[in-house]
PDB file of N, CA and C in Angstrom:
ATOM      1  N   UNK A   1       1.339  -0.841   0.097  1.00  0.00           N
ATOM      2  CA  UNK A   1      -0.120  -0.305  -0.096  1.00  0.00           C
ATOM      3  C   UNK A   1       0.814   1.331   0.114  1.00  0.00           C
ATOM      4  N   UNK A   2       0.550   1.846  -0.646  1.00  0.00           N
ATOM      5  CA  UNK A   2       1.127   3.446  -1.051  1.00  0.00           C
ATOM      6  C   UNK A   2       0.923   4.481   0.330  1.00  0.00           C
ATOM      7  N   UNK A   3       1.506   5.607   0.571  1.00  0.00           N
ATOM      8  CA  UNK A   3       1.319   6.507   1.484  1.00  0.00           C
ATOM      9  C   UNK A   3       0.001   7.255   1.155  1.00  0.00           C
ATOM     10  N   UNK A   4      -0.165   7.350  -0.033  1.00  0.00           N
ATOM     11  CA  UNK A   4      -1.391   7.825  -0.641  1.00  0.00           C
ATOM     12  C   UNK A   4      -3.061   7.110  -0.269  1.00  0.00           C
ATOM     13  N   UNK A   5      -2.865   6.060  -0.146  1.00  0.00           N
ATOM     14  CA  UNK A   5      -4.038   5.411   0.525  1.00  0.00           C
ATOM     15  C   UNK A   5      -4.066   5.095   2.051  1.00  0.00           C
ATOM     16  N   UNK A   6      -2.768   5.241   2.608  1.00  0.00           N
ATOM     17  CA  UNK A   6      -2.975   4.594   3.944  1.00  0.00           C
ATOM     18  C   UNK A   6      -3.557   6.535   4.969  1.00  0.00           C
ATOM     19  N   UNK A   7      -4.256   6.194   6.016  1.00  0.00           N
ATOM     20  CA  UNK A   7      -5.258   6.854   6.577  1.00  0.00           C
ATOM     21  C   UNK A   7      -4.183   7.930   7.579  1.00  0.00           C
ATOM     22  N   UNK A   8      -4.264   9.133   7.690  1.00  0.00           N
ATOM     23  CA  UNK A   8      -2.918  10.177   8.024  1.00  0.00           C
ATOM     24  C   UNK A   8      -4.108  10.535   9.118  1.00  0.00           C
ATOM     25  N   UNK A   9      -3.333  10.858  10.233  1.00  0.00           N
ATOM     26  CA  UNK A   9      -3.983  11.317  11.687  1.00  0.00           C
ATOM     27  C   UNK A   9      -3.010  12.118  12.231  1.00  0.00           C
ATOM     28  N   UNK A  10      -3.791  13.044  12.998  1.00  0.00           N
ATOM     29  CA  UNK A  10      -2.800  14.434  13.941  1.00  0.00           C
ATOM     30  C   UNK A  10      -3.051  14.541  15.286  1.00  0.00           C
ATOM     31  N   UNK A  11      -2.192  14.594  16.189  1.00  0.00           N
ATOM     32  CA  UNK A  11      -2.670  14.190  17.562  1.00  0.00           C
ATOM     33  C   UNK A  11      -1.617  14.875  18.049  1.00  0.00           C
ATOM     34  N   UNK A  12      -2.041  15.327  19.642  1.00  0.00           N
ATOM     35  CA  UNK A  12      -0.851  15.802  21.035  1.00  0.00           C
ATOM     36  C   UNK A  12       0.087  14.082  21.106  1.00  0.00           C
ATOM     37  N   UNK A  13       1.020  14.037  21.794  1.00  0.00           N
ATOM     38  CA  UNK A  13       1.967  12.755  22.448  1.00  0.00           C
ATOM     39  C   UNK A  13       1.136  12.942  24.097  1.00  0.00           C
ATOM     40  N   UNK A  14       0.713  12.075  24.344  1.00  0.00           N
ATOM     41  CA  UNK A  14       0.342  12.429  25.936  1.00  0.00           C
ATOM     42  C   UNK A  14       1.186  11.141  26.336  1.00  0.00           C
ATOM     43  N   UNK A  15       2.217  10.635  26.305  1.00  0.00           N
ATOM     44  CA  UNK A  15       2.834   9.816  27.104  1.00  0.00           C
ATOM     45  C   UNK A  15       4.287   9.247  26.444  1.00  0.00           C
ATOM     46  N   UNK A  16       5.108   8.892  26.430  1.00  0.00           N
ATOM     47  CA  UNK A  16       6.239   8.746  25.737  1.00  0.00           C
ATOM     48  C   UNK A  16       7.234   8.026  26.426  1.00  0.00           C
ATOM     49  N   UNK A  17       6.495   7.449  28.050  1.00  0.00           N
ATOM     50  CA  UNK A  17       7.420   6.515  28.870  1.00  0.00           C
ATOM     51  C   UNK A  17       8.094   4.966  28.087  1.00  0.00           C
ATOM     52  N   UNK A  18       7.608   4.586  26.950  1.00  0.00           N
ATOM     53  CA  UNK A  18       7.872   2.823  26.361  1.00  0.00           C
ATOM     54  C   UNK A  18       9.055   3.212  26.003  1.00  0.00           C
ATOM     55  N   UNK A  19       9.824   2.473  25.324  1.00  0.00           N
ATOM     56  CA  UNK A  19      10.706   2.836  24.292  1.00  0.00           C
ATOM     57  C   UNK A  19      10.488   2.008  22.808  1.00  0.00           C
ATOM     58  N   UNK A  20      10.468   3.083  22.362  1.00  0.00           N
ATOM     59  CA  UNK A  20      10.318   3.077  20.911  1.00  0.00           C
ATOM     60  C   UNK A  20       8.643   3.488  20.235  1.00  0.00           C
ATOM     61  N   UNK A  21       7.667   4.233  21.224  1.00  0.00           N
ATOM     62  CA  UNK A  21       6.454   3.663  21.482  1.00  0.00           C
ATOM     63  C   UNK A  21       5.825   5.319  21.963  1.00  0.00           C
ATOM     64  N   UNK A  22       4.736   5.607  21.312  1.00  0.00           N
ATOM     65  CA  UNK A  22       4.325   7.345  21.528  1.00  0.00           C
ATOM     66  C   UNK A  22       2.915   6.789  21.786  1.00  0.00           C
ATOM     67  N   UNK A  23       2.431   7.405  22.676  1.00  0.00           N
ATOM     68  CA  UNK A  23       0.533   7.407  22.870  1.00  0.00           C
ATOM     69  C   UNK A  23       0.107   8.554  22.456  1.00  0.00           C
ATOM     70  N   UNK A  24      -0.675   9.072  21.321  1.00  0.00           N
ATOM     71  CA  UNK A  24      -0.631  10.076  20.918  1.00  0.00           C
ATOM     72  C   UNK A  24      -2.394   9.927  20.789  1.00  0.00           C
ATOM     73  N   UNK A  25      -2.784  11.482  21.564  1.00  0.00           N
ATOM     74  CA  UNK A  25      -4.247  11.600  21.670  1.00  0.00           C
ATOM     75  C   UNK A  25      -5.028  12.520  20.157  1.00  0.00           C
ATOM     76  N   UNK A  26      -5.847  11.825  19.507  1.00  0.00           N
ATOM     77  CA  UNK A  26      -6.305  12.583  18.675  1.00  0.00           C
ATOM     78  C   UNK A  26      -7.741  12.550  18.871  1.00  0.00           C
ATOM     79  N   UNK A  27      -8.317  14.129  18.514  1.00  0.00           N
ATOM     80  CA  UNK A  27      -9.342  14.765  18.762  1.00  0.00           C
ATOM     81  C   UNK A  27     -10.070  14.868  17.154  1.00  0.00           C
ATOM     82  N   UNK A  28     -11.246  14.770  17.139  1.00  0.00           N
ATOM     83  CA  UNK A  28     -11.968  15.236  15.900  1.00  0.00           C
ATOM     84  C   UNK A  28     -13.462  15.218  16.756  1.00  0.00           C
ATOM     85  N   UNK A  29     -14.043  16.658  15.913  1.00  0.00           N
ATOM     86  CA  UNK A  29     -15.103  17.208  16.011  1.00  0.00           C
ATOM     87  C   UNK A  29     -16.408  16.482  14.755  1.00  0.00           C
ATOM     88  N   UNK A  30     -17.638  16.366  15.681  1.00  0.00           N
ATOM     89  CA  UNK A  30     -18.564  16.278  14.318  1.00  0.00           C
ATOM     90  C   UNK A  30     -19.932  16.777  14.763  1.00  0.00           C
ATOM     91  N   UNK A  31     -20.804  16.686  14.331  1.00  0.00           N
ATOM     92  CA  UNK A  31     -21.982  17.081  14.315  1.00  0.00           C
ATOM     93  C   UNK A  31     -23.006  15.983  14.870  1.00  0.00           C
ATOM     94  N   UNK A  32     -23.571  16.444  16.123  1.00  0.00           N
ATOM     95  CA  UNK A  32     -24.229  15.399  16.738  1.00  0.00           C
ATOM     96  C   UNK A  32     -25.722  14.853  15.900  1.00  0.00           C
ATOM     97  N   UNK A  33     -26.166  14.228  15.591  1.00  0.00           N
ATOM     98  CA  UNK A  33     -27.008  13.622  14.531  1.00  0.00           C
ATOM     99  C   UNK A  33     -28.502  14.590  14.737  1.00  0.00           C
ATOM    100  N   UNK A  34     -28.656  14.530  16.226  1.00  0.00           N
ATOM    101  CA  UNK A  34     -30.012  14.430  16.789  1.00  0.00           C
ATOM    102  C   UNK A  34     -30.268  15.673  17.206  1.00  0.00           C
ATOM    103  N   UNK A  35     -29.246  16.256  17.984  1.00  0.00           N
ATOM    104  CA  UNK A  35     -29.004  17.766  18.811  1.00  0.00           C
ATOM    105  C   UNK A  35     -28.665  18.948  17.726  1.00  0.00           C
ATOM    106  N   UNK A  36     -27.573  18.174  16.744  1.00  0.00           N
ATOM    107  CA  UNK A  36     -27.286  19.272  15.953  1.00  0.00           C
ATOM    108  C   UNK A  36     -25.715  20.402  16.351  1.00  0.00           C
ATOM    109  N   UNK A  37     -25.755  19.461  17.616  1.00  0.00           N
ATOM    110  CA  UNK A  37     -24.404  20.312  18.420  1.00  0.00           C
ATOM    111  C   UNK A  37     -22.641  19.741  17.618  1.00  0.00           C
ATOM    112  N   UNK A  38     -22.040  20.841  18.065  1.00  0.00           N
ATOM    113  CA  UNK A  38     -20.961  20.302  17.704  1.00  0.00           C
ATOM    114  C   UNK A  38     -20.328  19.447  19.192  1.00  0.00           C
ATOM    115  N   UNK A  39     -19.325  18.178  18.676  1.00  0.00           N
ATOM    116  CA  UNK A  39     -19.622  17.239  19.796  1.00  0.00           C
ATOM    117  C   UNK A  39     -17.850  17.096  19.244  1.00  0.00           C
ATOM    118  N   UNK A  40     -16.556  17.198  20.323  1.00  0.00           N
ATOM    119  CA  UNK A  40     -15.606  16.442  20.810  1.00  0.00           C
ATOM    120  C   UNK A  40     -15.199  15.093  20.748  1.00  0.00           C
ATOM    121  N   UNK A  41     -14.529  14.509  20.676  1.00  0.00           N
ATOM    122  CA  UNK A  41     -14.098  13.512  20.775  1.00  0.00           C
ATOM    123  C   UNK A  41     -12.752  12.569  20.961  1.00  0.00           C
ATOM    124  N   UNK A  42     -12.464  11.957  21.533  1.00  0.00           N
ATOM    125  CA  UNK A  42     -11.333  11.749  21.261  1.00  0.00           C
ATOM    126  C   UNK A  42     -10.940  10.429  20.997  1.00  0.00           C
ATOM    127  N   UNK A  43      -9.345   9.927  21.305  1.00  0.00           N
ATOM    128  CA  UNK A  43      -9.150   8.627  21.273  1.00  0.00           C
ATOM    129  C   UNK A  43      -7.813   8.544  20.767  1.00  0.00           C
ATOM    130  N   UNK A  44      -7.262   7.598  21.559  1.00  0.00           N
ATOM    131  CA  UNK A  44      -6.051   7.497  21.747  1.00  0.00           C
ATOM    132  C   UNK A  44      -5.037   6.357  20.966  1.00  0.00           C
ATOM    133  N   UNK A  45      -4.259   6.500  20.276  1.00  0.00           N
ATOM    134  CA  UNK A  45      -3.445   5.464  19.296  1.00  0.00           C
ATOM    135  C   UNK A  45      -1.738   5.323  19.933  1.00  0.00           C
ATOM    136  N   UNK A  46      -1.223   3.905  20.046  1.00  0.00           N
ATOM    137  CA  UNK A  46      -0.020   3.753  20.357  1.00  0.00           C
ATOM    138  C   UNK A  46       0.384   3.598  18.574  1.00  0.00           C
ATOM    139  N   UNK A  47       1.424   4.681  18.233  1.00  0.00           N
ATOM    140  CA  UNK A  47       2.495   4.322  17.461  1.00  0.00           C
ATOM    141  C   UNK A  47       3.934   4.232  17.958  1.00  0.00           C
ATOM    142  N   UNK A  48       4.261   3.838  16.563  1.00  0.00           N
ATOM    143  CA  UNK A  48       6.245   3.552  16.785  1.00  0.00           C
ATOM    144  C   UNK A  48       6.971   4.429  16.041  1.00  0.00           C
ATOM    145  N   UNK A  49       7.671   5.239  16.931  1.00  0.00           N
ATOM    146  CA  UNK A  49       8.620   6.020  17.498  1.00  0.00           C
ATOM    147  C   UNK A  49      10.226   5.727  16.666  1.00  0.00           C
ATOM    148  N   UNK A  50      10.729   5.148  16.098  1.00  0.00           N
ATOM    149  CA  UNK A  50      12.220   4.484  15.774  1.00  0.00           C
ATOM    150  C   UNK A  50      12.884   5.691  17.024  1.00  0.00           C
ATOM    151  N   UNK A  51      13.208   6.793  16.818  1.00  0.00           N
ATOM    152  CA  UNK A  51      14.269   7.532  17.280  1.00  0.00           C
ATOM    153  C   UNK A  51      14.089   7.705  18.697  1.00  0.00           C
ATOM    154  N   UNK A  52      12.603   7.679  19.153  1.00  0.00           N
ATOM    155  CA  UNK A  52      12.120   8.579  20.531  1.00  0.00           C
ATOM    156  C   UNK A  52      12.715   9.846  20.015  1.00  0.00           C
ATOM    157  N   UNK A  53      12.675  10.592  18.948  1.00  0.00           N
ATOM    158  CA  UNK A  53      12.452  11.793  19.147  1.00  0.00           C
ATOM    159  C   UNK A  53      11.612  12.486  19.610  1.00  0.00           C
ATOM    160  N   UNK A  54       9.972  11.694  19.847  1.00  0.00           N
ATOM    161  CA  UNK A  54       9.179  12.379  20.546  1.00  0.00           C
ATOM    162  C   UNK A  54       8.862  12.921  22.008  1.00  0.00           C
ATOM    163  N   UNK A  55       8.397  13.673  22.215  1.00  0.00           N
ATOM    164  CA  UNK A  55       8.235  14.009  23.655  1.00  0.00           C
ATOM    165  C   UNK A  55       6.716  14.869  24.023  1.00  0.00           C
ATOM    166  N   UNK A  56       6.801  14.731  25.524  1.00  0.00           N
ATOM    167  CA  UNK A  56       4.846  14.346  25.722  1.00  0.00           C
ATOM    168  C   UNK A  56       4.388  16.124  25.449  1.00  0.00           C
ATOM    169  N   UNK A  57       3.368  16.209  24.632  1.00  0.00           N
ATOM    170  CA  UNK A  57       3.265  17.954  24.510  1.00  0.00           C
ATOM    171  C   UNK A  57       3.504  18.132  22.732  1.00  0.00           C
ATOM    172  N   UNK A  58       3.980  17.469  22.419  1.00  0.00           N
ATOM    173  CA  UNK A  58       4.421  17.190  20.745  1.00  0.00           C
ATOM    174  C   UNK A  58       2.959  17.499  20.153  1.00  0.00           C
ATOM    175  N   UNK A  59       3.227  17.862  18.689  1.00  0.00           N
ATOM    176  CA  UNK A  59       2.155  18.037  17.999  1.00  0.00           C
ATOM    177  C   UNK A  59       2.610  17.091  16.525  1.00  0.00           C
ATOM    178  N   UNK A  60       2.092  15.724  16.280  1.00  0.00           N
ATOM    179  CA  UNK A  60       2.941  14.718  15.493  1.00  0.00           C
ATOM    180  C   UNK A  60       1.553  14.341  14.590  1.00  0.00           C
ATOM    181  N   UNK A  61       2.256  14.013  13.385  1.00  0.00           N
ATOM    182  CA  UNK A  61       1.370  13.004  12.075  1.00  0.00           C
ATOM    183  C   UNK A  61       1.611  11.901  12.100  1.00  0.00           C
ATOM    184  N   UNK A  62       0.387  11.075  12.631  1.00  0.00           N
ATOM    185  CA  UNK A  62       0.993   9.425  12.051  1.00  0.00           C
ATOM    186  C   UNK A  62       0.517   8.905  11.036  1.00  0.00           C
ATOM    187  N   UNK A  63       0.496   7.778  10.696  1.00  0.00           N
ATOM    188  CA  UNK A  63       0.256   6.931   9.813  1.00  0.00           C
ATOM    189  C   UNK A  63      -0.159   5.586   9.559  1.00  0.00           C
ATOM    190  N   UNK A  64      -1.197   4.973   9.025  1.00  0.00           N
ATOM    191  CA  UNK A  64      -1.304   3.312   9.393  1.00  0.00           C
ATOM    192  C   UNK A  64      -0.048   2.623   9.146  1.00  0.00           C
ATOM    193  N   UNK A  65       0.046   1.321   9.838  1.00  0.00           N
ATOM    194  CA  UNK A  65       1.434   1.032   9.657  1.00  0.00           C
ATOM    195  C   UNK A  65       0.672  -0.751   9.870  1.00  0.00           C
ATOM    196  N   UNK A  66       1.740  -1.683   9.608  1.00  0.00           N
ATOM    197  CA  UNK A  66       1.323  -3.277   9.761  1.00  0.00           C
ATOM    198  C   UNK A  66       1.608  -3.543  10.936  1.00  0.00           C
ATOM    199  N   UNK A  67       0.958  -4.342  11.712  1.00  0.00           N
ATOM    200  CA  UNK A  67       0.681  -4.898  13.203  1.00  0.00           C
ATOM    201  C   UNK A  67       2.002  -4.899  13.465  1.00  0.00           C
ATOM    202  N   UNK A  68       2.572  -4.122  14.910  1.00  0.00           N
ATOM    203  CA  UNK A  68       3.576  -4.138  14.885  1.00  0.00           C
ATOM    204  C   UNK A  68       3.378  -4.883  16.687  1.00  0.00           C
ATOM    205  N   UNK A  69       2.788  -5.223  17.143  1.00  0.00           N
ATOM    206  CA  UNK A  69       2.406  -5.167  18.158  1.00  0.00           C
ATOM    207  C   UNK A  69       0.865  -5.727  18.595  1.00  0.00           C
ATOM    208  N   UNK A  70       1.010  -5.958  19.797  1.00  0.00           N
ATOM    209  CA  UNK A  70      -0.643  -6.367  19.892  1.00  0.00           C
ATOM    210  C   UNK A  70      -1.751  -4.699  20.171  1.00  0.00           C
ATOM    211  N   UNK A  71      -1.108  -3.776  20.514  1.00  0.00           N
ATOM    212  CA  UNK A  71      -2.280  -2.173  20.099  1.00  0.00           C
ATOM    213  C   UNK A  71      -1.321  -1.989  19.094  1.00  0.00           C
ATOM    214  N   UNK A  72       0.086  -1.894  18.582  1.00  0.00           N
ATOM    215  CA  UNK A  72       0.681  -0.695  17.746  1.00  0.00           C
ATOM    216  C   UNK A  72       0.270  -0.684  16.264  1.00  0.00           C
ATOM    217  N   UNK A  73      -0.670  -0.150  15.498  1.00  0.00           N
ATOM    218  CA  UNK A  73      -1.010  -0.307  14.562  1.00  0.00           C
ATOM    219  C   UNK A  73      -0.498   0.754  13.693  1.00  0.00           C
ATOM    220  N   UNK A  74      -0.115   1.924  14.256  1.00  0.00           N
ATOM    221  CA  UNK A  74       0.299   3.067  13.618  1.00  0.00           C
ATOM    222  C   UNK A  74       1.992   3.717  13.685  1.00  0.00           C
ATOM    223  N   UNK A  75       2.530   4.222  12.684  1.00  0.00           N
ATOM    224  CA  UNK A  75       3.679   5.153  13.322  1.00  0.00           C
ATOM    225  C   UNK A  75       3.992   6.330  12.990  1.00  0.00           C
ATOM    226  N   UNK A  76       4.538   7.023  13.665  1.00  0.00           N
ATOM    227  CA  UNK A  76       4.845   8.375  13.598  1.00  0.00           C
ATOM    228  C   UNK A  76       5.472   8.734  12.283  1.00  0.00           C
ATOM    229  N   UNK A  77       4.975   9.958  11.443  1.00  0.00           N
ATOM    230  CA  UNK A  77       4.990   9.943  10.342  1.00  0.00           C
ATOM    231  C   UNK A  77       6.336  11.368  10.443  1.00  0.00           C
ATOM    232  N   UNK A  78       5.480  12.470  11.329  1.00  0.00           N
ATOM    233  CA  UNK A  78       6.712  13.403  11.569  1.00  0.00           C
ATOM    234  C   UNK A  78       6.283  14.391  12.766  1.00  0.00           C
ATOM    235  N   UNK A  79       7.027  15.116  13.228  1.00  0.00           N
ATOM    236  CA  UNK A  79       7.010  15.889  14.084  1.00  0.00           C
ATOM    237  C   UNK A  79       6.606  17.602  13.612  1.00  0.00           C
ATOM    238  N   UNK A  80       5.361  17.665  14.001  1.00  0.00           N
ATOM    239  CA  UNK A  80       4.575  19.280  12.907  1.00  0.00           C
ATOM    240  C   UNK A  80       5.214  20.166  13.587  1.00  0.00           C
ATOM    241  N   UNK A  81       5.506  19.996  15.518  1.00  0.00           N
ATOM    242  CA  UNK A  81       5.686  20.768  16.581  1.00  0.00           C
ATOM    243  C   UNK A  81       6.112  20.624  17.306  1.00  0.00           C
ATOM    244  N   UNK A  82       7.245  20.818  18.060  1.00  0.00           N
ATOM    245  CA  UNK A  82       7.761  20.099  19.128  1.00  0.00           C
ATOM    246  C   UNK A  82       6.909  21.120  20.173  1.00  0.00           C
ATOM    247  N   UNK A  83       6.777  20.736  21.878  1.00  0.00           N
ATOM    248  CA  UNK A  83       6.133  21.046  23.096  1.00  0.00           C
ATOM    249  C   UNK A  83       6.881  22.176  23.329  1.00  0.00           C
ATOM    250  N   UNK A  84       6.293  23.841  23.709  1.00  0.00           N
ATOM    251  CA  UNK A  84       7.562  24.744  23.853  1.00  0.00           C
ATOM    252  C   UNK A  84       7.775  25.488  22.973  1.00  0.00           C
ATOM    253  N   UNK A  85       7.141  25.488  22.030  1.00  0.00           N
ATOM    254  CA  UNK A  85       7.754  26.031  20.827  1.00  0.00           C
ATOM    255  C   UNK A  85       6.966  26.999  20.489  1.00  0.00           C
TER     256      UNK A  85
END
């Protein structure tokens, strides 16, 4: 599969304690089907970080990948913004 067909999401790193793994919180906004209000929903994804370059609070882009472990199916594509910059 090429990069164009894989899903790309952006989110904030909430944990980087594990070796070569980060937990990324991705928020999405959508309109509630019945009440027509904007609802914010978040989900956490475990992503592979080969160089351990990500830290807590970094804004990153993650991309779908093959299963690397039981819960890790995403990989860090790029660090958009480092925390504190």
